[in-house]
Protein backbone atom coordinates (compact mmCIF):
# COMPACT_ATOMS: atom_id res chain seq x y z
CA MET A 1 0.11 0.15 0.13
CA LEU A 2 2.87 2.36 0.87
CA ARG A 3 4.57 2.02 -2.79
CA TYR A 4 1.47 2.29 -4.32
CA ALA A 5 0.56 5.81 -2.51
CA GLY A 6 4.51 6.90 -3.70
CA ILE A 7 3.91 5.71 -7.32
CA ARG A 8 0.53 7.92 -7.16
CA LEU A 9 2.17 11.24 -5.36
CA ILE A 10 4.75 11.00 -7.85
CA LEU A 11 1.90 10.43 -10.83
CA PHE A 12 0.29 13.47 -8.99
CA ILE A 13 3.55 16.09 -10.07
CA PRO A 14 2.99 15.66 -13.91
CA LEU A 15 -1.08 16.18 -13.16
CA LEU A 16 -0.77 19.26 -11.64
CA ILE A 17 2.09 20.50 -13.79
CA GLY A 18 -0.45 19.83 -16.79
CA LEU A 19 -3.31 21.66 -14.69
CA SER A 20 -1.47 24.74 -13.95
CA LEU A 21 -0.34 25.12 -17.91
CA VAL A 22 -4.20 24.78 -19.18
CA VAL A 23 -5.23 27.32 -15.65
CA PHE A 24 -2.14 29.59 -16.63
CA PHE A 25 -2.37 29.77 -20.77
CA TYR A 26 -6.69 29.42 -20.34
CA LEU A 27 -6.53 33.21 -17.89
CA HIS A 28 -4.59 34.93 -20.26
CA LEU A 29 -5.91 34.10 -23.62
CA ILE A 30 -9.29 35.30 -22.18
CA PRO A 31 -9.24 39.14 -23.85
CA GLY A 32 -9.03 42.01 -21.93
CA ASP A 33 -6.06 43.54 -20.01
CA PRO A 34 -7.00 43.11 -15.94
CA VAL A 35 -4.10 46.28 -15.58
CA ALA A 36 -6.88 48.35 -17.37
CA GLY A 37 -9.96 46.50 -15.76
CA MET A 38 -8.20 47.49 -12.09
CA LEU A 39 -7.92 51.38 -13.00
CA ARG A 40 -10.52 51.49 -15.38
CA TYR A 41 -10.60 54.90 -16.52
CA GLU A 42 -8.61 56.44 -13.76
CA GLY A 43 -5.43 54.95 -15.42
CA ASN A 44 -3.54 56.47 -18.58
CA PRO A 45 -1.17 54.09 -20.96
CA GLU A 46 1.64 55.15 -19.12
CA ILE A 47 0.73 53.92 -15.66
CA ILE A 48 -0.46 51.01 -16.95
CA ALA A 49 2.57 50.35 -18.80
CA LYS A 50 4.18 50.56 -15.46
CA ILE A 51 1.76 48.38 -13.49
CA ARG A 52 2.03 45.29 -16.29
CA HIS A 53 6.05 45.72 -16.15
CA GLU A 54 6.10 45.59 -12.15
CA PHE A 55 3.94 42.11 -12.46
CA GLY A 56 5.66 41.01 -15.14
CA LEU A 57 2.84 41.51 -17.83
CA ASP A 58 4.70 42.77 -20.71
CA ARG A 59 6.93 39.27 -21.10
CA PRO A 60 6.06 36.87 -23.30
CA ILE A 61 3.86 34.06 -21.74
CA TYR A 62 5.73 31.52 -21.78
CA VAL A 63 8.47 33.41 -19.85
CA GLN A 64 5.38 34.20 -17.07
CA TYR A 65 4.54 30.89 -16.65
CA ILE A 66 8.02 29.59 -15.79
CA ASP A 67 8.63 32.43 -13.57
CA TRP A 68 4.90 31.72 -11.74
CA PHE A 69 5.51 27.96 -11.86
CA SER A 70 8.88 28.23 -10.22
CA LYS A 71 7.63 30.46 -7.65
CA VAL A 72 4.78 27.94 -6.66
CA LEU A 73 7.39 25.18 -5.86
CA ARG A 74 9.17 27.72 -3.44
CA GLY A 75 5.71 28.43 -1.92
CA ASP A 76 5.23 31.85 -3.36
CA LEU A 77 2.40 32.08 -4.93
CA GLY A 78 2.15 36.18 -5.85
CA VAL A 79 0.37 38.72 -5.13
CA THR A 80 -2.92 40.15 -5.27
CA PHE A 81 -3.12 42.87 -7.97
CA ARG A 82 -5.34 45.72 -6.41
CA ALA A 83 -4.26 44.84 -2.58
CA ARG A 84 -0.54 43.35 -3.42
CA TYR A 85 -1.56 41.84 -0.55
CA PRO A 86 0.28 38.35 0.02
CA ILE A 87 -1.90 35.27 -1.26
CA ALA A 88 -0.46 32.61 0.90
CA PRO A 89 -1.41 34.38 4.16
CA LEU A 90 -5.21 35.07 2.49
CA LEU A 91 -5.72 31.56 2.15
CA MET A 92 -4.79 30.44 5.07
CA ALA A 93 -6.95 32.72 6.11
CA ARG A 94 -9.81 31.67 4.19
CA ILE A 95 -9.68 27.63 4.99
CA PRO A 96 -11.12 27.56 8.12
CA ALA A 97 -14.14 28.92 6.68
CA THR A 98 -14.36 26.46 3.53
CA LEU A 99 -14.14 23.21 6.00
CA GLU A 100 -16.28 24.52 7.91
CA LEU A 101 -19.07 24.79 5.62
CA ALA A 102 -17.80 21.34 4.23
CA LEU A 103 -18.21 19.88 7.34
CA GLY A 104 -21.37 21.24 7.99
CA ALA A 105 -22.72 20.40 4.93
CA LEU A 106 -21.36 16.85 4.52
CA VAL A 107 -23.11 16.40 8.56
CA VAL A 108 -26.48 17.56 7.16
CA ALA A 109 -26.19 15.01 3.81
CA VAL A 110 -25.34 12.27 6.26
CA LEU A 111 -28.02 12.62 8.64
CA MET A 112 -30.54 13.42 5.65
CA ALA A 113 -29.93 10.59 3.15
CA LEU A 114 -27.91 7.71 5.11
CA PRO A 115 -30.89 6.98 6.93
CA ALA A 116 -33.16 6.82 4.08
CA GLY A 117 -31.43 5.42 1.68
CA ILE A 118 -30.61 2.18 4.01
CA ILE A 119 -34.32 2.34 4.62
CA ALA A 120 -35.19 2.23 1.09
CA GLY A 121 -32.34 -0.59 0.52
CA LEU A 122 -34.01 -2.61 2.79
CA ASN A 123 -37.63 -2.44 1.24
CA LYS A 124 -36.82 -3.01 -2.32
CA ASN A 125 -39.17 -1.68 -4.69
CA SER A 126 -41.75 -0.44 -1.52
CA ARG A 127 -44.09 2.71 -1.42
CA PHE A 128 -40.69 4.12 0.64
CA ASP A 129 -38.98 3.31 -2.17
CA TYR A 130 -40.69 4.91 -4.95
CA ILE A 131 -41.07 8.34 -2.87
CA PHE A 132 -37.23 8.38 -2.11
CA SER A 133 -36.05 7.66 -5.58
CA LEU A 134 -38.76 10.26 -6.41
CA PHE A 135 -37.84 13.14 -4.30
CA SER A 136 -34.07 11.74 -5.33
CA LEU A 137 -34.34 12.60 -8.89
CA MET A 138 -35.77 16.18 -7.70
CA GLY A 139 -32.77 16.37 -5.99
CA TYR A 140 -30.61 15.46 -9.13
CA SER A 141 -32.41 18.22 -10.60
CA THR A 142 -32.22 21.36 -8.46
CA PRO A 143 -29.69 23.68 -8.94
CA VAL A 144 -27.62 24.47 -5.76
CA PHE A 145 -28.65 28.53 -5.78
CA TRP A 146 -32.26 27.78 -6.30
CA SER A 147 -32.53 26.10 -3.29
CA GLY A 148 -30.14 28.42 -1.72
CA TYR A 149 -32.83 31.27 -2.71
CA ILE A 150 -35.79 29.58 -1.32
CA LEU A 151 -34.18 29.13 2.11
CA VAL A 152 -33.32 32.62 2.47
CA LEU A 153 -36.92 33.56 0.97
CA LEU A 154 -38.53 30.97 3.43
CA LEU A 155 -36.04 31.07 6.14
CA SER A 156 -34.87 34.61 6.65
CA VAL A 157 -37.51 37.31 4.63
CA TRP A 158 -40.49 35.39 6.17
CA LEU A 159 -39.69 33.73 9.58
CA HIS A 160 -37.13 35.87 10.20
CA VAL A 161 -35.20 32.60 11.65
CA LEU A 162 -31.93 32.63 10.45
CA PRO A 163 -29.90 35.52 9.14
CA SER A 164 -29.63 35.86 5.29
CA GLN A 165 -25.59 36.50 4.97
CA GLY A 166 -22.52 36.94 6.81
CA TYR A 167 -20.25 34.69 8.81
CA VAL A 168 -18.72 35.08 12.91
CA PRO A 169 -15.88 32.47 14.00
CA PHE A 170 -16.03 30.08 15.79
CA ASN A 171 -14.06 30.71 18.73
CA GLU A 172 -15.58 34.41 19.10
CA ASP A 173 -19.31 33.31 19.26
CA PRO A 174 -20.26 29.67 18.50
CA TRP A 175 -24.21 29.98 18.65
CA ARG A 176 -23.57 33.00 16.33
CA ASN A 177 -21.55 30.86 14.36
CA LEU A 178 -24.15 27.92 14.31
CA GLN A 179 -26.87 30.53 13.40
CA TYR A 180 -24.91 31.77 9.45
CA LEU A 181 -23.70 28.14 9.05
CA LEU A 182 -26.87 26.84 8.82
CA MET A 183 -28.45 27.70 5.71
CA PRO A 184 -25.26 27.36 3.54
CA ALA A 185 -24.68 24.42 4.91
CA PHE A 186 -28.34 23.15 4.15
CA THR A 187 -28.07 24.29 0.32
CA LEU A 188 -25.01 22.15 -0.06
CA GLY A 189 -25.84 19.28 2.06
CA ILE A 190 -29.33 19.02 0.53
CA ALA A 191 -27.76 19.13 -3.23
CA LEU A 192 -25.56 16.41 -1.90
CA ALA A 193 -28.05 14.19 -0.03
CA PRO A 194 -29.31 12.38 -3.54
CA TYR A 195 -26.19 11.31 -4.64
CA VAL A 196 -24.85 9.67 -1.09
CA GLY A 197 -28.76 8.30 -0.82
CA ARG A 198 -28.95 6.29 -4.17
CA MET A 199 -25.35 5.03 -2.90
CA THR A 200 -26.68 3.63 0.35
CA ARG A 201 -29.38 2.07 -1.41
CA THR A 202 -27.62 0.66 -4.26
CA ALA A 203 -24.92 -0.61 -1.38
CA ILE A 204 -27.53 -2.07 1.02
CA ILE A 205 -29.51 -3.59 -2.02
CA GLU A 206 -26.40 -5.53 -3.63
CA THR A 207 -25.16 -6.89 -0.04
CA MET A 208 -28.40 -8.29 0.67
CA GLN A 209 -27.95 -10.30 -2.14
CA GLU A 210 -24.35 -11.77 -1.23
CA PHE A 211 -24.49 -15.56 -0.29
CA PHE A 212 -23.57 -14.83 3.17
CA VAL A 213 -26.72 -12.84 3.81
CA SER A 214 -28.79 -15.79 2.37
CA TYR A 215 -26.62 -18.24 4.51
CA ALA A 216 -27.59 -15.94 7.80
CA ARG A 217 -30.85 -16.36 6.92
CA ALA A 218 -30.69 -19.92 6.30
CA LYS A 219 -29.44 -20.45 9.84
CA GLY A 220 -32.34 -18.32 11.28
CA LEU A 221 -30.99 -15.21 12.72
CA LYS A 222 -33.21 -12.46 13.60
CA ARG A 223 -33.48 -9.52 10.84
CA ARG A 224 -31.78 -7.20 13.34
CA ILE A 225 -29.00 -9.26 14.06
CA ILE A 226 -28.46 -9.90 10.16
CA PHE A 227 -28.81 -6.16 9.39
CA TRP A 228 -26.36 -4.91 11.85
CA ARG A 229 -23.42 -7.57 11.83
CA TYR A 230 -23.79 -8.41 7.48
CA ILE A 231 -25.35 -6.24 5.91
CA LEU A 232 -24.57 -2.86 7.37
CA ARG A 233 -21.16 -4.02 8.51
CA HIS A 234 -20.40 -4.48 5.20
CA SER A 235 -22.36 -1.87 2.80
CA ILE A 236 -20.83 0.90 4.96
CA ILE A 237 -17.29 0.38 3.34
CA SER A 238 -19.26 1.16 -0.19
CA ILE A 239 -20.62 4.20 2.03
CA LEU A 240 -17.21 5.52 3.34
CA VAL A 241 -15.97 5.42 0.00
CA VAL A 242 -18.65 7.84 -1.83
CA LEU A 243 -18.49 9.88 1.08
CA GLY A 244 -14.95 10.50 0.46
CA LEU A 245 -15.09 11.02 -3.15
CA ASP A 246 -18.14 13.72 -2.65
CA ILE A 247 -15.45 16.24 -0.48
CA GLY A 248 -14.63 16.93 -3.75
CA TYR A 249 -18.00 17.87 -4.88
CA LEU A 250 -18.21 19.76 -1.80
CA LEU A 251 -14.85 21.72 -3.07
CA SER A 252 -16.55 22.59 -6.58
CA GLY A 253 -19.88 23.21 -4.54
CA GLN A 254 -18.71 25.70 -2.16
CA ILE A 255 -18.58 27.88 -4.79
CA LEU A 256 -21.64 29.25 -5.68
CA VAL A 257 -22.81 28.89 -1.86
CA GLU A 258 -20.03 30.65 -0.49
CA GLU A 259 -20.82 33.70 -2.42
CA LEU A 260 -24.71 33.14 -2.15
CA PHE A 261 -24.78 33.84 1.36
CA ASN A 262 -21.49 35.72 1.62
CA TRP A 263 -19.17 33.07 3.57
CA PRO A 264 -16.04 33.97 3.65
CA GLY A 265 -14.08 30.88 2.50
CA VAL A 266 -11.80 29.85 -0.66
CA GLY A 267 -14.54 29.69 -3.50
CA ARG A 268 -15.83 33.23 -2.92
CA LEU A 269 -12.17 34.08 -3.59
CA ILE A 270 -12.05 32.62 -6.40
CA ILE A 271 -15.34 34.22 -7.69
CA ARG A 272 -13.65 37.62 -6.81
CA GLY A 273 -10.73 36.93 -8.98
CA VAL A 274 -12.46 36.07 -11.62
CA LEU A 275 -14.55 39.25 -11.92
CA GLU A 276 -11.69 40.97 -11.37
CA ARG A 277 -9.12 39.37 -13.49
CA ASP A 278 -6.78 38.43 -11.21
CA TYR A 279 -4.53 36.18 -12.77
CA PHE A 280 -2.45 35.00 -9.58
CA VAL A 281 -5.77 34.57 -7.41
CA VAL A 282 -7.78 32.70 -9.24
CA GLN A 283 -4.14 29.98 -10.57
CA ALA A 284 -3.44 29.80 -6.86
CA THR A 285 -6.59 28.61 -5.48
CA ILE A 286 -7.82 26.43 -8.57
CA LEU A 287 -4.03 24.54 -7.74
CA ILE A 288 -4.93 24.43 -4.83
CA TYR A 289 -8.09 22.82 -4.92
CA ALA A 290 -6.97 20.44 -7.38
CA GLY A 291 -4.25 19.37 -5.41
CA LEU A 292 -6.42 18.35 -2.25
CA PHE A 293 -8.81 16.67 -4.94
CA LEU A 294 -5.73 14.81 -6.05
CA LEU A 295 -5.09 13.65 -2.34
CA ILE A 296 -8.48 13.22 -0.91
CA ASN A 297 -9.03 10.62 -3.88
CA LEU A 298 -6.30 9.14 -3.14
CA ALA A 299 -6.70 8.95 0.73
CA VAL A 300 -10.12 7.59 -0.32
CA GLU A 301 -8.27 4.61 -2.33
CA LEU A 302 -5.54 3.77 0.48
CA LEU A 303 -9.08 3.87 3.00
CA HIS A 304 -10.85 1.30 0.80
CA GLY A 305 -8.05 -0.91 0.14
CA TRP A 306 -7.30 -1.37 4.12
CA LEU A 307 -11.42 -1.26 4.59
CA ASP A 308 -11.61 -4.08 2.37
CA PRO A 309 -8.84 -7.16 1.78
CA ARG A 310 -10.36 -7.83 -1.62
CA VAL A 311 -9.17 -4.33 -3.08
CA GLN A 312 -5.45 -4.83 -4.46
CA LEU A 313 -3.64 -2.01 -4.72
CA GLN A 314 -1.60 -2.42 -7.55
């Protein structure tokens, strides 16, 4: 397993280099000048040329890439265009909020989808199973921003139960932090729950068709014992793998949710970087997101191989 992990980590290097090339050249080939957009009508050609030279934007594009990527390898992600603030501490300050929202959404999805998926799997083709499939399909088809707007309209505008936007760190006011967290966590969790529920249902149904479950029934064991000792115990491996892979979805889905609820995470930083044509911010955040996604996938594969001896990692 260690050999497999080492090989995968080595293979991450060309993947990240390829992704950095795609992101860098794609952003720089988009029409428009980020410096002119930053200054708008306040800058004259001489000031624009000076700032472009200061950031190295007047050099050939391949030279810019080599200079940027060599700094990234040294841990220097650059500075923002407008404030000239280092990007690395800016990202580190926003990562806790992003992780908090991802954890909250994962908890919401598990609490909603896991019991429903288990019941639907144990009662295949029942009325509950059909209702579960209907709501799962509705969940698949519902955009994240639409469900977020519905929650804001219902809980903030009509009922005045929760604040619509904002963020308070947990160490400053835990109760206020929870109030701000609930709606974005539910918005993202509702989008994730159908997938988790369907995968849970499939895992339960497949496990119930195994020979050892039929043998346990033939021995006359109670349904409760069969479920806890055989069905759930073997299904939980597939469910954990699905949950691990869903973390990557959470990282991408948070971008819209953070912007909608004014949540100060990394996803909102990406949107601000795109709107302001801040090359360095967008490049750094996408590269970090990609690295995290690759590491999460590797961790899920190693966890799967550790939990299930039948899986051979080669």
